[in-house]
Amino acid sequence: MKTKLLVFCAIFFITSSTLFSQKKNDPQGIISQKVAIKKYHDREELDQMNKGQLLDLYIERIEVIVKILPNIAFTNKPGVTIQALGIPDTKDHRKALEENIEAASEYFDNTIEFQTKILPYSDKTNLIAAILFYEQTLKSLHTYNEFNEY
């Protein structure tokens, strides 16, 4: 009985370590699939929302701008990897991508920390105008490929 338990534990640990080591080497997307706009709004919809809801929308749009727009020279589609773009999948390139993703996340976190303290003092109409501006900018991502034709 002890032998079976020992063999089972050994197989479990070997399998677990193999799975985790393979996961680490999986290619990482340049643009996260988790970052996206759920819905675009018009001024009438935004006028009916309270300031708390508007702040949430504003923050959601900032996240997309910070984490996607700087990378559109590579792609505007989530999940595209450096390998898919023909960039050699080297340790240095993976590290550069990881550092870029980490820097964008840190910048976003710092920006949101500031925004959550200061933004509630903004005028609701200015907040709505900013959301509409960001949304218009982000909608243009859908037409990005039109500018990318030779």
Protein backbone atom coordinates (compact mmCIF):
# COMPACT_ATOMS: atom_id res chain seq x y z
CA MET A 1 0.00 0.00 0.00
CA LYS A 2 2.81 2.42 0.90
CA THR A 3 4.58 1.57 -2.34
CA LYS A 4 1.47 2.39 -4.39
CA LEU A 5 1.07 5.70 -2.57
CA LEU A 6 4.73 6.55 -3.10
CA VAL A 7 4.54 5.69 -6.83
CA PHE A 8 1.33 7.69 -7.19
CA CYS A 9 2.89 10.75 -5.50
CA ALA A 10 6.02 10.49 -7.66
CA ILE A 11 3.96 10.29 -10.86
CA PHE A 12 1.81 13.20 -9.70
CA PHE A 13 4.82 15.45 -9.02
CA ILE A 14 6.53 14.54 -12.29
CA THR A 15 3.35 15.22 -14.25
CA SER A 16 2.76 18.51 -12.43
CA SER A 17 6.29 19.77 -12.95
CA THR A 18 6.17 18.82 -16.63
CA LEU A 19 2.88 20.65 -17.16
CA PHE A 20 4.08 23.80 -15.40
CA SER A 21 7.42 23.84 -17.22
CA GLN A 22 5.63 23.57 -20.57
CA LYS A 23 3.22 26.33 -19.64
CA LYS A 24 6.14 28.67 -18.97
CA ASN A 25 7.43 28.24 -22.52
CA ASP A 26 4.07 28.81 -24.21
CA PRO A 27 4.22 31.85 -26.47
CA GLN A 28 2.66 34.92 -24.91
CA GLY A 29 0.37 37.20 -26.86
CA ILE A 30 1.46 40.77 -27.55
CA ILE A 31 -2.05 41.98 -26.81
CA SER A 32 -3.97 40.36 -23.97
CA GLN A 33 -7.31 38.76 -24.75
CA LYS A 34 -8.59 40.01 -21.38
CA VAL A 35 -8.36 43.68 -22.34
CA ALA A 36 -11.34 44.82 -24.38
CA ILE A 37 -14.29 47.19 -24.51
CA LYS A 38 -17.50 45.38 -23.66
CA LYS A 39 -19.81 47.99 -25.16
CA TYR A 40 -19.63 51.38 -26.83
CA HIS A 41 -22.05 54.09 -25.71
CA ASP A 42 -23.68 57.21 -27.03
CA ARG A 43 -24.09 60.49 -25.18
CA GLU A 44 -27.69 59.75 -24.18
CA GLU A 45 -26.73 56.49 -22.49
CA LEU A 46 -23.85 58.13 -20.67
CA ASP A 47 -26.02 61.05 -19.51
CA GLN A 48 -28.31 58.55 -17.75
CA MET A 49 -25.45 56.93 -15.83
CA ASN A 50 -24.26 58.01 -12.42
CA LYS A 51 -20.72 59.21 -11.88
CA GLY A 52 -19.56 55.89 -10.40
CA GLN A 53 -20.60 54.02 -13.54
CA LEU A 54 -18.88 56.63 -15.69
CA LEU A 55 -15.67 56.29 -13.68
CA ASP A 56 -15.71 52.52 -14.29
CA LEU A 57 -16.16 53.04 -18.04
CA TYR A 58 -13.39 55.65 -18.08
CA ILE A 59 -10.98 53.29 -16.32
CA GLU A 60 -11.89 50.42 -18.67
CA ARG A 61 -11.08 52.61 -21.68
CA ILE A 62 -7.78 53.78 -20.20
CA GLU A 63 -6.75 50.15 -19.74
CA VAL A 64 -7.32 49.41 -23.42
CA ILE A 65 -5.46 52.54 -24.48
CA VAL A 66 -2.48 51.77 -22.23
CA LYS A 67 -2.25 48.07 -23.02
CA ILE A 68 -3.22 47.92 -26.70
CA LEU A 69 -2.52 51.15 -28.58
CA PRO A 70 1.26 51.16 -28.06
CA ASN A 71 1.45 47.75 -29.74
CA ILE A 72 -0.67 48.29 -32.86
CA ALA A 73 2.47 48.56 -35.01
CA PHE A 74 2.71 44.81 -34.40
CA THR A 75 -0.95 43.84 -34.37
CA ASN A 76 -4.37 45.01 -33.29
CA LYS A 77 -5.64 41.50 -32.63
CA PRO A 78 -5.47 39.84 -29.21
CA GLY A 79 -3.53 36.62 -28.82
CA VAL A 80 -1.02 37.23 -31.64
CA THR A 81 2.43 36.05 -30.56
CA ILE A 82 5.89 37.20 -31.57
CA GLN A 83 6.32 33.88 -33.37
CA ALA A 84 3.20 34.52 -35.45
CA LEU A 85 4.71 37.83 -36.56
CA GLY A 86 7.93 36.16 -37.66
CA ILE A 87 9.95 37.54 -34.76
CA PRO A 88 12.43 34.94 -33.51
CA ASP A 89 11.22 33.40 -30.26
CA THR A 90 14.41 33.94 -28.29
CA LYS A 91 14.90 34.32 -24.57
CA ASP A 92 15.73 38.02 -25.06
CA HIS A 93 12.59 38.68 -27.11
CA ARG A 94 10.36 36.84 -24.63
CA LYS A 95 11.95 38.79 -21.77
CA ALA A 96 11.44 42.10 -23.62
CA LEU A 97 7.78 41.25 -24.21
CA GLU A 98 7.26 40.24 -20.58
CA GLU A 99 8.92 43.46 -19.38
CA ASN A 100 6.75 45.50 -21.74
CA ILE A 101 3.57 43.83 -20.49
CA GLU A 102 4.69 44.29 -16.88
CA ALA A 103 5.56 47.97 -17.45
CA ALA A 104 2.18 48.63 -19.08
CA SER A 105 0.40 46.94 -16.16
CA GLU A 106 2.40 48.91 -13.61
CA TYR A 107 1.72 52.18 -15.45
CA PHE A 108 -1.98 51.33 -15.65
CA ASP A 109 -2.11 50.50 -11.93
CA ASN A 110 -0.38 53.78 -11.01
CA THR A 111 -2.64 55.75 -13.32
CA ILE A 112 -5.77 54.15 -11.85
CA GLU A 113 -4.56 54.82 -8.33
CA PHE A 114 -4.30 58.50 -9.22
CA GLN A 115 -7.56 58.52 -11.20
CA THR A 116 -9.60 56.94 -8.40
CA LYS A 117 -8.46 59.68 -6.01
CA ILE A 118 -8.80 62.67 -8.33
CA LEU A 119 -11.31 61.78 -11.05
CA PRO A 120 -14.38 61.83 -8.78
CA TYR A 121 -13.89 65.61 -8.59
CA SER A 122 -14.19 65.99 -12.37
CA ASP A 123 -17.26 67.46 -13.98
CA LYS A 124 -19.68 64.80 -15.26
CA THR A 125 -19.90 66.41 -18.71
CA ASN A 126 -16.10 66.41 -19.05
CA LEU A 127 -16.03 62.76 -18.00
CA ILE A 128 -18.65 61.90 -20.63
CA ALA A 129 -16.72 63.83 -23.30
CA ALA A 130 -13.53 61.95 -22.40
CA ILE A 131 -15.30 58.56 -22.56
CA LEU A 132 -16.78 59.41 -25.97
CA PHE A 133 -13.38 60.58 -27.22
CA TYR A 134 -11.68 57.39 -26.01
CA GLU A 135 -14.41 55.26 -27.54
CA GLN A 136 -14.08 57.02 -30.89
CA THR A 137 -10.32 56.44 -30.78
CA LEU A 138 -10.80 52.78 -29.90
CA LYS A 139 -13.41 52.26 -32.61
CA SER A 140 -10.75 53.25 -35.12
CA LEU A 141 -8.84 50.09 -34.17
CA HIS A 142 -11.47 48.20 -36.16
CA THR A 143 -10.48 50.15 -39.28
CA TYR A 144 -6.72 49.99 -38.64
CA ASN A 145 -6.13 47.45 -41.38
CA GLU A 146 -7.41 49.94 -43.97
CA PHE A 147 -4.31 52.06 -43.24
CA ASN A 148 -2.05 49.03 -43.42
CA GLU A 149 -2.44 48.31 -47.14
CA TYR A 150 0.51 48.73 -49.44
